[in-house]
Amino acid sequence: MRSEDVAAKKFGMTRWREGYEPREVDELMDQVRETLAGYERRRSVDPIRGDDVVVSRFSPTRFRTGYDQNEVDDYLDEIVAALRQHEAR
């Protein structure tokens, strides 16, 4: 996984069922993108770690649009695996 993959990722939206607050998810994605970009450039970064992603929580949306929870959770699993690979180096 590369930083541009994270930057390009778009999540589906929910309307009638609970989703995740988009702003909060986007902020985490920005941190992940910056961390991966630092690893790619072999520059010192203040990384977000895989464990930080595992414990991240988002406010639920009710009666308004939000990101599809399953999509976000599945992508976060991929992010955790990618970050842990970098951390092991």
PDB file of N, CA and C in Angstrom:
ATOM      1  N   MET A   1       0.852  -1.178   0.000  1.00  0.00           N
ATOM      2  CA  MET A   1       0.000   0.000   0.000  1.00  0.00           C
ATOM      3  C   MET A   1       0.895   1.238   0.000  1.00  0.00           C
ATOM      4  N   ARG A   2       0.515   2.184  -0.842  1.00  0.00           N
ATOM      5  CA  ARG A   2       1.293   3.416  -0.966  1.00  0.00           C
ATOM      6  C   ARG A   2       0.441   4.607  -0.526  1.00  0.00           C
ATOM      7  N   SER A   3       1.109   5.721  -0.278  1.00  0.00           N
ATOM      8  CA  SER A   3       0.397   6.917   0.182  1.00  0.00           C
ATOM      9  C   SER A   3      -0.655   7.375  -0.825  1.00  0.00           C
ATOM     10  N   GLU A   4      -0.360   7.230  -2.120  1.00  0.00           N
ATOM     11  CA  GLU A   4      -1.342   7.670  -3.114  1.00  0.00           C
ATOM     12  C   GLU A   4      -2.575   6.760  -3.135  1.00  0.00           C
ATOM     13  N   ASP A   5      -2.418   5.504  -2.707  1.00  0.00           N
ATOM     14  CA  ASP A   5      -3.575   4.618  -2.592  1.00  0.00           C
ATOM     15  C   ASP A   5      -4.541   5.144  -1.536  1.00  0.00           C
ATOM     16  N   VAL A   6      -3.975   5.588  -0.428  1.00  0.00           N
ATOM     17  CA  VAL A   6      -4.802   6.120   0.661  1.00  0.00           C
ATOM     18  C   VAL A   6      -5.448   7.433   0.227  1.00  0.00           C
ATOM     19  N   ALA A   7      -4.674   8.285  -0.445  1.00  0.00           N
ATOM     20  CA  ALA A   7      -5.210   9.571  -0.906  1.00  0.00           C
ATOM     21  C   ALA A   7      -6.363   9.383  -1.887  1.00  0.00           C
ATOM     22  N   ALA A   8      -6.299   8.340  -2.692  1.00  0.00           N
ATOM     23  CA  ALA A   8      -7.324   8.109  -3.720  1.00  0.00           C
ATOM     24  C   ALA A   8      -8.532   7.334  -3.217  1.00  0.00           C
ATOM     25  N   LYS A   9      -8.451   6.774  -2.023  1.00  0.00           N
ATOM     26  CA  LYS A   9      -9.529   5.920  -1.517  1.00  0.00           C
ATOM     27  C   LYS A   9     -10.799   6.726  -1.278  1.00  0.00           C
ATOM     28  N   LYS A  10     -11.903   6.226  -1.790  1.00  0.00           N
ATOM     29  CA  LYS A  10     -13.227   6.818  -1.582  1.00  0.00           C
ATOM     30  C   LYS A  10     -14.116   5.765  -0.934  1.00  0.00           C
ATOM     31  N   PHE A  11     -14.801   6.160   0.102  1.00  0.00           N
ATOM     32  CA  PHE A  11     -15.699   5.252   0.801  1.00  0.00           C
ATOM     33  C   PHE A  11     -17.136   5.514   0.382  1.00  0.00           C
ATOM     34  N   GLY A  12     -17.921   4.441   0.344  1.00  0.00           N
ATOM     35  CA  GLY A  12     -19.343   4.577   0.082  1.00  0.00           C
ATOM     36  C   GLY A  12     -20.030   5.285   1.237  1.00  0.00           C
ATOM     37  N   MET A  13     -21.129   5.919   0.922  1.00  0.00           N
ATOM     38  CA  MET A  13     -21.878   6.666   1.935  1.00  0.00           C
ATOM     39  C   MET A  13     -23.137   5.897   2.339  1.00  0.00           C
ATOM     40  N   THR A  14     -23.526   6.068   3.587  1.00  0.00           N
ATOM     41  CA  THR A  14     -24.779   5.502   4.086  1.00  0.00           C
ATOM     42  C   THR A  14     -25.756   6.644   4.324  1.00  0.00           C
ATOM     43  N   ARG A  15     -27.005   6.321   4.252  1.00  0.00           N
ATOM     44  CA  ARG A  15     -28.027   7.321   4.520  1.00  0.00           C
ATOM     45  C   ARG A  15     -29.013   6.844   5.574  1.00  0.00           C
ATOM     46  N   TRP A  16     -29.458   5.629   5.421  1.00  0.00           N
ATOM     47  CA  TRP A  16     -30.536   5.135   6.274  1.00  0.00           C
ATOM     48  C   TRP A  16     -30.042   4.214   7.376  1.00  0.00           C
ATOM     49  N   ARG A  17     -28.756   3.971   7.409  1.00  0.00           N
ATOM     50  CA  ARG A  17     -28.198   3.181   8.505  1.00  0.00           C
ATOM     51  C   ARG A  17     -26.984   3.908   9.048  1.00  0.00           C
ATOM     52  N   GLU A  18     -26.582   3.511  10.216  1.00  0.00           N
ATOM     53  CA  GLU A  18     -25.486   4.195  10.902  1.00  0.00           C
ATOM     54  C   GLU A  18     -24.182   4.089  10.113  1.00  0.00           C
ATOM     55  N   GLY A  19     -23.467   5.177  10.053  1.00  0.00           N
ATOM     56  CA  GLY A  19     -22.164   5.208   9.402  1.00  0.00           C
ATOM     57  C   GLY A  19     -21.141   5.842  10.332  1.00  0.00           C
ATOM     58  N   TYR A  20     -19.967   6.121   9.784  1.00  0.00           N
ATOM     59  CA  TYR A  20     -18.915   6.807  10.542  1.00  0.00           C
ATOM     60  C   TYR A  20     -18.861   8.264  10.112  1.00  0.00           C
ATOM     61  N   GLU A  21     -18.537   9.126  11.051  1.00  0.00           N
ATOM     62  CA  GLU A  21     -18.382  10.548  10.791  1.00  0.00           C
ATOM     63  C   GLU A  21     -17.258  10.754   9.756  1.00  0.00           C
ATOM     64  N   PRO A  22     -17.588  11.247   8.557  1.00  0.00           N
ATOM     65  CA  PRO A  22     -16.581  11.371   7.496  1.00  0.00           C
ATOM     66  C   PRO A  22     -15.363  12.214   7.878  1.00  0.00           C
ATOM     67  N   ARG A  23     -15.561  13.318   8.568  1.00  0.00           N
ATOM     68  CA  ARG A  23     -14.448  14.190   8.932  1.00  0.00           C
ATOM     69  C   ARG A  23     -13.418  13.444   9.773  1.00  0.00           C
ATOM     70  N   GLU A  24     -13.874  12.643  10.712  1.00  0.00           N
ATOM     71  CA  GLU A  24     -12.972  11.903  11.588  1.00  0.00           C
ATOM     72  C   GLU A  24     -12.194  10.839  10.813  1.00  0.00           C
ATOM     73  N   VAL A  25     -12.887  10.138   9.929  1.00  0.00           N
ATOM     74  CA  VAL A  25     -12.220   9.122   9.105  1.00  0.00           C
ATOM     75  C   VAL A  25     -11.194   9.794   8.195  1.00  0.00           C
ATOM     76  N   ASP A  26     -11.567  10.911   7.578  1.00  0.00           N
ATOM     77  CA  ASP A  26     -10.654  11.622   6.688  1.00  0.00           C
ATOM     78  C   ASP A  26      -9.395  12.094   7.428  1.00  0.00           C
ATOM     79  N   GLU A  27      -9.552  12.537   8.665  1.00  0.00           N
ATOM     80  CA  GLU A  27      -8.387  12.971   9.454  1.00  0.00           C
ATOM     81  C   GLU A  27      -7.429  11.799   9.695  1.00  0.00           C
ATOM     82  N   LEU A  28      -7.971  10.635   9.998  1.00  0.00           N
ATOM     83  CA  LEU A  28      -7.119   9.459  10.193  1.00  0.00           C
ATOM     84  C   LEU A  28      -6.440   9.076   8.883  1.00  0.00           C
ATOM     85  N   MET A  29      -7.183   9.124   7.783  1.00  0.00           N
ATOM     86  CA  MET A  29      -6.601   8.789   6.476  1.00  0.00           C
ATOM     87  C   MET A  29      -5.461   9.752   6.128  1.00  0.00           C
ATOM     88  N   ASP A  30      -5.598  11.029   6.485  1.00  0.00           N
ATOM     89  CA  ASP A  30      -4.522  11.997   6.250  1.00  0.00           C
ATOM     90  C   ASP A  30      -3.268  11.622   7.034  1.00  0.00           C
ATOM     91  N   GLN A  31      -3.437  11.206   8.281  1.00  0.00           N
ATOM     92  CA  GLN A  31      -2.293  10.786   9.093  1.00  0.00           C
ATOM     93  C   GLN A  31      -1.620   9.559   8.495  1.00  0.00           C
ATOM     94  N   VAL A  32      -2.423   8.614   8.055  1.00  0.00           N
ATOM     95  CA  VAL A  32      -1.880   7.400   7.439  1.00  0.00           C
ATOM     96  C   VAL A  32      -1.135   7.751   6.155  1.00  0.00           C
ATOM     97  N   ARG A  33      -1.730   8.605   5.333  1.00  0.00           N
ATOM     98  CA  ARG A  33      -1.097   9.010   4.073  1.00  0.00           C
ATOM     99  C   ARG A  33       0.251   9.678   4.338  1.00  0.00           C
ATOM    100  N   GLU A  34       0.298  10.590   5.300  1.00  0.00           N
ATOM    101  CA  GLU A  34       1.548  11.275   5.633  1.00  0.00           C
ATOM    102  C   GLU A  34       2.602  10.292   6.145  1.00  0.00           C
ATOM    103  N   THR A  35       2.192   9.343   6.957  1.00  0.00           N
ATOM    104  CA  THR A  35       3.122   8.332   7.473  1.00  0.00           C
ATOM    105  C   THR A  35       3.688   7.492   6.336  1.00  0.00           C
ATOM    106  N   LEU A  36       2.826   7.006   5.461  1.00  0.00           N
ATOM    107  CA  LEU A  36       3.291   6.189   4.339  1.00  0.00           C
ATOM    108  C   LEU A  36       4.193   6.998   3.405  1.00  0.00           C
ATOM    109  N   ALA A  37       3.865   8.266   3.185  1.00  0.00           N
ATOM    110  CA  ALA A  37       4.705   9.122   2.335  1.00  0.00           C
ATOM    111  C   ALA A  37       6.093   9.274   2.955  1.00  0.00           C
ATOM    112  N   GLY A  38       6.167   9.417   4.256  1.00  0.00           N
ATOM    113  CA  GLY A  38       7.463   9.500   4.926  1.00  0.00           C
ATOM    114  C   GLY A  38       8.261   8.229   4.768  1.00  0.00           C
ATOM    115  N   TYR A  39       7.620   7.092   4.938  1.00  0.00           N
ATOM    116  CA  TYR A  39       8.311   5.811   4.740  1.00  0.00           C
ATOM    117  C   TYR A  39       8.804   5.685   3.294  1.00  0.00           C
ATOM    118  N   GLU A  40       7.985   6.099   2.333  1.00  0.00           N
ATOM    119  CA  GLU A  40       8.355   5.986   0.921  1.00  0.00           C
ATOM    120  C   GLU A  40       9.564   6.861   0.584  1.00  0.00           C
ATOM    121  N   ARG A  41       9.649   8.006   1.213  1.00  0.00           N
ATOM    122  CA  ARG A  41      10.761   8.928   0.944  1.00  0.00           C
ATOM    123  C   ARG A  41      11.966   8.659   1.835  1.00  0.00           C
ATOM    124  N   ARG A  42      11.794   7.668   2.715  1.00  0.00           N
ATOM    125  CA  ARG A  42      12.845   7.317   3.677  1.00  0.00           C
ATOM    126  C   ARG A  42      13.247   8.526   4.524  1.00  0.00           C
ATOM    127  N   ARG A  43      12.238   9.282   4.893  1.00  0.00           N
ATOM    128  CA  ARG A  43      12.466  10.441   5.751  1.00  0.00           C
ATOM    129  C   ARG A  43      11.888  10.158   7.127  1.00  0.00           C
ATOM    130  N   SER A  44      12.469  10.800   8.094  1.00  0.00           N
ATOM    131  CA  SER A  44      11.990  10.656   9.461  1.00  0.00           C
ATOM    132  C   SER A  44      10.558  11.186   9.542  1.00  0.00           C
ATOM    133  N   VAL A  45       9.704  10.389  10.143  1.00  0.00           N
ATOM    134  CA  VAL A  45       8.307  10.787  10.292  1.00  0.00           C
ATOM    135  C   VAL A  45       7.880  10.563  11.731  1.00  0.00           C
ATOM    136  N   ASP A  46       6.854  11.281  12.128  1.00  0.00           N
ATOM    137  CA  ASP A  46       6.195  11.017  13.402  1.00  0.00           C
ATOM    138  C   ASP A  46       5.011  10.125  13.031  1.00  0.00           C
ATOM    139  N   PRO A  47       5.270   8.825  12.935  1.00  0.00           N
ATOM    140  CA  PRO A  47       4.273   7.947  12.303  1.00  0.00           C
ATOM    141  C   PRO A  47       3.061   7.657  13.180  1.00  0.00           C
ATOM    142  N   ILE A  48       1.982   7.402  12.497  1.00  0.00           N
ATOM    143  CA  ILE A  48       0.858   6.757  13.155  1.00  0.00           C
ATOM    144  C   ILE A  48       1.167   5.265  13.053  1.00  0.00           C
ATOM    145  N   ARG A  49       0.993   4.572  14.119  1.00  0.00           N
ATOM    146  CA  ARG A  49       1.352   3.156  14.154  1.00  0.00           C
ATOM    147  C   ARG A  49       0.122   2.285  13.905  1.00  0.00           C
ATOM    148  N   GLY A  50       0.390   1.046  13.533  1.00  0.00           N
ATOM    149  CA  GLY A  50      -0.699   0.108  13.317  1.00  0.00           C
ATOM    150  C   GLY A  50      -1.600  -0.020  14.531  1.00  0.00           C
ATOM    151  N   ASP A  51      -0.989  -0.047  15.722  1.00  0.00           N
ATOM    152  CA  ASP A  51      -1.786  -0.158  16.949  1.00  0.00           C
ATOM    153  C   ASP A  51      -2.675   1.069  17.166  1.00  0.00           C
ATOM    154  N   ASP A  52      -2.199   2.247  16.726  1.00  0.00           N
ATOM    155  CA  ASP A  52      -3.028   3.454  16.832  1.00  0.00           C
ATOM    156  C   ASP A  52      -4.276   3.333  15.965  1.00  0.00           C
ATOM    157  N   VAL A  53      -4.100   2.739  14.799  1.00  0.00           N
ATOM    158  CA  VAL A  53      -5.241   2.556  13.888  1.00  0.00           C
ATOM    159  C   VAL A  53      -6.224   1.544  14.477  1.00  0.00           C
ATOM    160  N   VAL A  54      -5.680   0.478  15.082  1.00  0.00           N
ATOM    161  CA  VAL A  54      -6.542  -0.564  15.664  1.00  0.00           C
ATOM    162  C   VAL A  54      -7.468   0.023  16.728  1.00  0.00           C
ATOM    163  N   VAL A  55      -6.968   0.934  17.539  1.00  0.00           N
ATOM    164  CA  VAL A  55      -7.779   1.468  18.643  1.00  0.00           C
ATOM    165  C   VAL A  55      -8.562   2.722  18.258  1.00  0.00           C
ATOM    166  N   SER A  56      -8.444   3.167  17.021  1.00  0.00           N
ATOM    167  CA  SER A  56      -9.172   4.369  16.607  1.00  0.00           C
ATOM    168  C   SER A  56     -10.676   4.101  16.600  1.00  0.00           C
ATOM    169  N   ARG A  57     -11.418   5.111  16.978  1.00  0.00           N
ATOM    170  CA  ARG A  57     -12.876   5.031  17.012  1.00  0.00           C
ATOM    171  C   ARG A  57     -13.435   6.275  16.358  1.00  0.00           C
ATOM    172  N   PHE A  58     -14.603   6.129  15.743  1.00  0.00           N
ATOM    173  CA  PHE A  58     -15.249   7.234  15.048  1.00  0.00           C
ATOM    174  C   PHE A  58     -16.654   7.429  15.592  1.00  0.00           C
ATOM    175  N   SER A  59     -17.086   8.656  15.595  1.00  0.00           N
ATOM    176  CA  SER A  59     -18.450   8.960  16.015  1.00  0.00           C
ATOM    177  C   SER A  59     -19.425   8.381  14.998  1.00  0.00           C
ATOM    178  N   PRO A  60     -20.505   7.790  15.490  1.00  0.00           N
ATOM    179  CA  PRO A  60     -21.507   7.259  14.558  1.00  0.00           C
ATOM    180  C   PRO A  60     -22.380   8.386  14.021  1.00  0.00           C
ATOM    181  N   THR A  61     -22.853   8.193  12.801  1.00  0.00           N
ATOM    182  CA  THR A  61     -23.809   9.136  12.224  1.00  0.00           C
ATOM    183  C   THR A  61     -25.183   8.492  12.301  1.00  0.00           C
ATOM    184  N   ARG A  62     -26.135   9.288  12.652  1.00  0.00           N
ATOM    185  CA  ARG A  62     -27.522   8.815  12.717  1.00  0.00           C
ATOM    186  C   ARG A  62     -28.395   9.852  12.010  1.00  0.00           C
ATOM    187  N   PHE A  63     -29.216   9.389  11.126  1.00  0.00           N
ATOM    188  CA  PHE A  63     -30.154  10.258  10.405  1.00  0.00           C
ATOM    189  C   PHE A  63     -29.441  11.293   9.528  1.00  0.00           C
ATOM    190  N   ARG A  64     -28.205  11.002   9.152  1.00  0.00           N
ATOM    191  CA  ARG A  64     -27.461  11.824   8.199  1.00  0.00           C
ATOM    192  C   ARG A  64     -26.407  10.942   7.552  1.00  0.00           C
ATOM    193  N   THR A  65     -25.818  11.404   6.485  1.00  0.00           N
ATOM    194  CA  THR A  65     -24.885  10.566   5.752  1.00  0.00           C
ATOM    195  C   THR A  65     -23.581  10.364   6.520  1.00  0.00           C
ATOM    196  N   GLY A  66     -23.013   9.208   6.310  1.00  0.00           N
ATOM    197  CA  GLY A  66     -21.719   8.860   6.895  1.00  0.00           C
ATOM    198  C   GLY A  66     -21.053   7.824   6.016  1.00  0.00           C
ATOM    199  N   TYR A  67     -19.798   7.534   6.318  1.00  0.00           N
ATOM    200  CA  TYR A  67     -19.090   6.502   5.564  1.00  0.00           C
ATOM    201  C   TYR A  67     -19.569   5.120   5.984  1.00  0.00           C
ATOM    202  N   ASP A  68     -19.659   4.229   5.011  1.00  0.00           N
ATOM    203  CA  ASP A  68     -20.055   2.849   5.254  1.00  0.00           C
ATOM    204  C   ASP A  68     -19.063   2.203   6.228  1.00  0.00           C
ATOM    205  N   GLN A  69     -19.560   1.736   7.348  1.00  0.00           N
ATOM    206  CA  GLN A  69     -18.702   1.199   8.402  1.00  0.00           C
ATOM    207  C   GLN A  69     -17.918  -0.027   7.959  1.00  0.00           C
ATOM    208  N   ASN A  70     -18.554  -0.933   7.255  1.00  0.00           N
ATOM    209  CA  ASN A  70     -17.854  -2.148   6.826  1.00  0.00           C
ATOM    210  C   ASN A  70     -16.715  -1.825   5.867  1.00  0.00           C
ATOM    211  N   GLU A  71     -16.959  -0.905   4.937  1.00  0.00           N
ATOM    212  CA  GLU A  71     -15.906  -0.507   4.000  1.00  0.00           C
ATOM    213  C   GLU A  71     -14.722   0.098   4.731  1.00  0.00           C
ATOM    214  N   VAL A  72     -15.009   1.002   5.658  1.00  0.00           N
ATOM    215  CA  VAL A  72     -13.935   1.656   6.419  1.00  0.00           C
ATOM    216  C   VAL A  72     -13.174   0.617   7.233  1.00  0.00           C
ATOM    217  N   ASP A  73     -13.885  -0.236   7.950  1.00  0.00           N
ATOM    218  CA  ASP A  73     -13.233  -1.246   8.791  1.00  0.00           C
ATOM    219  C   ASP A  73     -12.348  -2.187   7.965  1.00  0.00           C
ATOM    220  N   ASP A  74     -12.830  -2.623   6.802  1.00  0.00           N
ATOM    221  CA  ASP A  74     -12.035  -3.502   5.946  1.00  0.00           C
ATOM    222  C   ASP A  74     -10.769  -2.800   5.464  1.00  0.00           C
ATOM    223  N   TYR A  75     -10.888  -1.537   5.082  1.00  0.00           N
ATOM    224  CA  TYR A  75      -9.714  -0.802   4.609  1.00  0.00           C
ATOM    225  C   TYR A  75      -8.732  -0.548   5.760  1.00  0.00           C
ATOM    226  N   LEU A  76      -9.248  -0.301   6.945  1.00  0.00           N
ATOM    227  CA  LEU A  76      -8.368  -0.105   8.098  1.00  0.00           C
ATOM    228  C   LEU A  76      -7.560  -1.369   8.385  1.00  0.00           C
ATOM    229  N   ASP A  77      -8.148  -2.530   8.176  1.00  0.00           N
ATOM    230  CA  ASP A  77      -7.399  -3.783   8.341  1.00  0.00           C
ATOM    231  C   ASP A  77      -6.218  -3.827   7.378  1.00  0.00           C
ATOM    232  N   GLU A  78      -6.429  -3.405   6.144  1.00  0.00           N
ATOM    233  CA  GLU A  78      -5.343  -3.364   5.164  1.00  0.00           C
ATOM    234  C   GLU A  78      -4.268  -2.355   5.583  1.00  0.00           C
ATOM    235  N   ILE A  79      -4.698  -1.219   6.096  1.00  0.00           N
ATOM    236  CA  ILE A  79      -3.759  -0.193   6.543  1.00  0.00           C
ATOM    237  C   ILE A  79      -2.909  -0.703   7.691  1.00  0.00           C
ATOM    238  N   VAL A  80      -3.529  -1.358   8.652  1.00  0.00           N
ATOM    239  CA  VAL A  80      -2.790  -1.900   9.791  1.00  0.00           C
ATOM    240  C   VAL A  80      -1.711  -2.860   9.315  1.00  0.00           C
ATOM    241  N   ALA A  81      -2.048  -3.735   8.395  1.00  0.00           N
ATOM    242  CA  ALA A  81      -1.063  -4.689   7.868  1.00  0.00           C
ATOM    243  C   ALA A  81       0.090  -3.954   7.192  1.00  0.00           C
ATOM    244  N   ALA A  82      -0.213  -2.928   6.398  1.00  0.00           N
ATOM    245  CA  ALA A  82       0.833  -2.179   5.705  1.00  0.00           C
ATOM    246  C   ALA A  82       1.727  -1.432   6.685  1.00  0.00           C
ATOM    247  N   LEU A  83       1.131  -0.806   7.685  1.00  0.00           N
ATOM    248  CA  LEU A  83       1.934  -0.071   8.667  1.00  0.00           C
ATOM    249  C   LEU A  83       2.813  -1.009   9.469  1.00  0.00           C
ATOM    250  N   ARG A  84       2.288  -2.153   9.824  1.00  0.00           N
ATOM    251  CA  ARG A  84       3.081  -3.106  10.602  1.00  0.00           C
ATOM    252  C   ARG A  84       4.258  -3.647   9.801  1.00  0.00           C
ATOM    253  N   GLN A  85       4.107  -3.766   8.493  1.00  0.00           N
ATOM    254  CA  GLN A  85       5.236  -4.172   7.656  1.00  0.00           C
ATOM    255  C   GLN A  85       6.354  -3.122   7.727  1.00  0.00           C
ATOM    256  N   HIS A  86       5.986  -1.854   7.661  1.00  0.00           N
ATOM    257  CA  HIS A  86       6.987  -0.782   7.753  1.00  0.00           C
ATOM    258  C   HIS A  86       7.609  -0.755   9.144  1.00  0.00           C
ATOM    259  N   GLU A  87       6.808  -0.946  10.162  1.00  0.00           N
ATOM    260  CA  GLU A  87       7.312  -0.904  11.531  1.00  0.00           C
ATOM    261  C   GLU A  87       8.318  -2.028  11.803  1.00  0.00           C
ATOM    262  N   ALA A  88       8.153  -3.143  11.113  1.00  0.00           N
ATOM    263  CA  ALA A  88       9.031  -4.303  11.336  1.00  0.00           C
ATOM    264  C   ALA A  88      10.415  -4.111  10.707  1.00  0.00           C
ATOM    265  N   ARG A  89      10.562  -3.125   9.846  1.00  0.00           N
ATOM    266  CA  ARG A  89      11.843  -2.914   9.161  1.00  0.00           C
ATOM    267  C   ARG A  89      12.839  -2.229  10.034  1.00  0.00           C
TER     268      ARG A  89
END
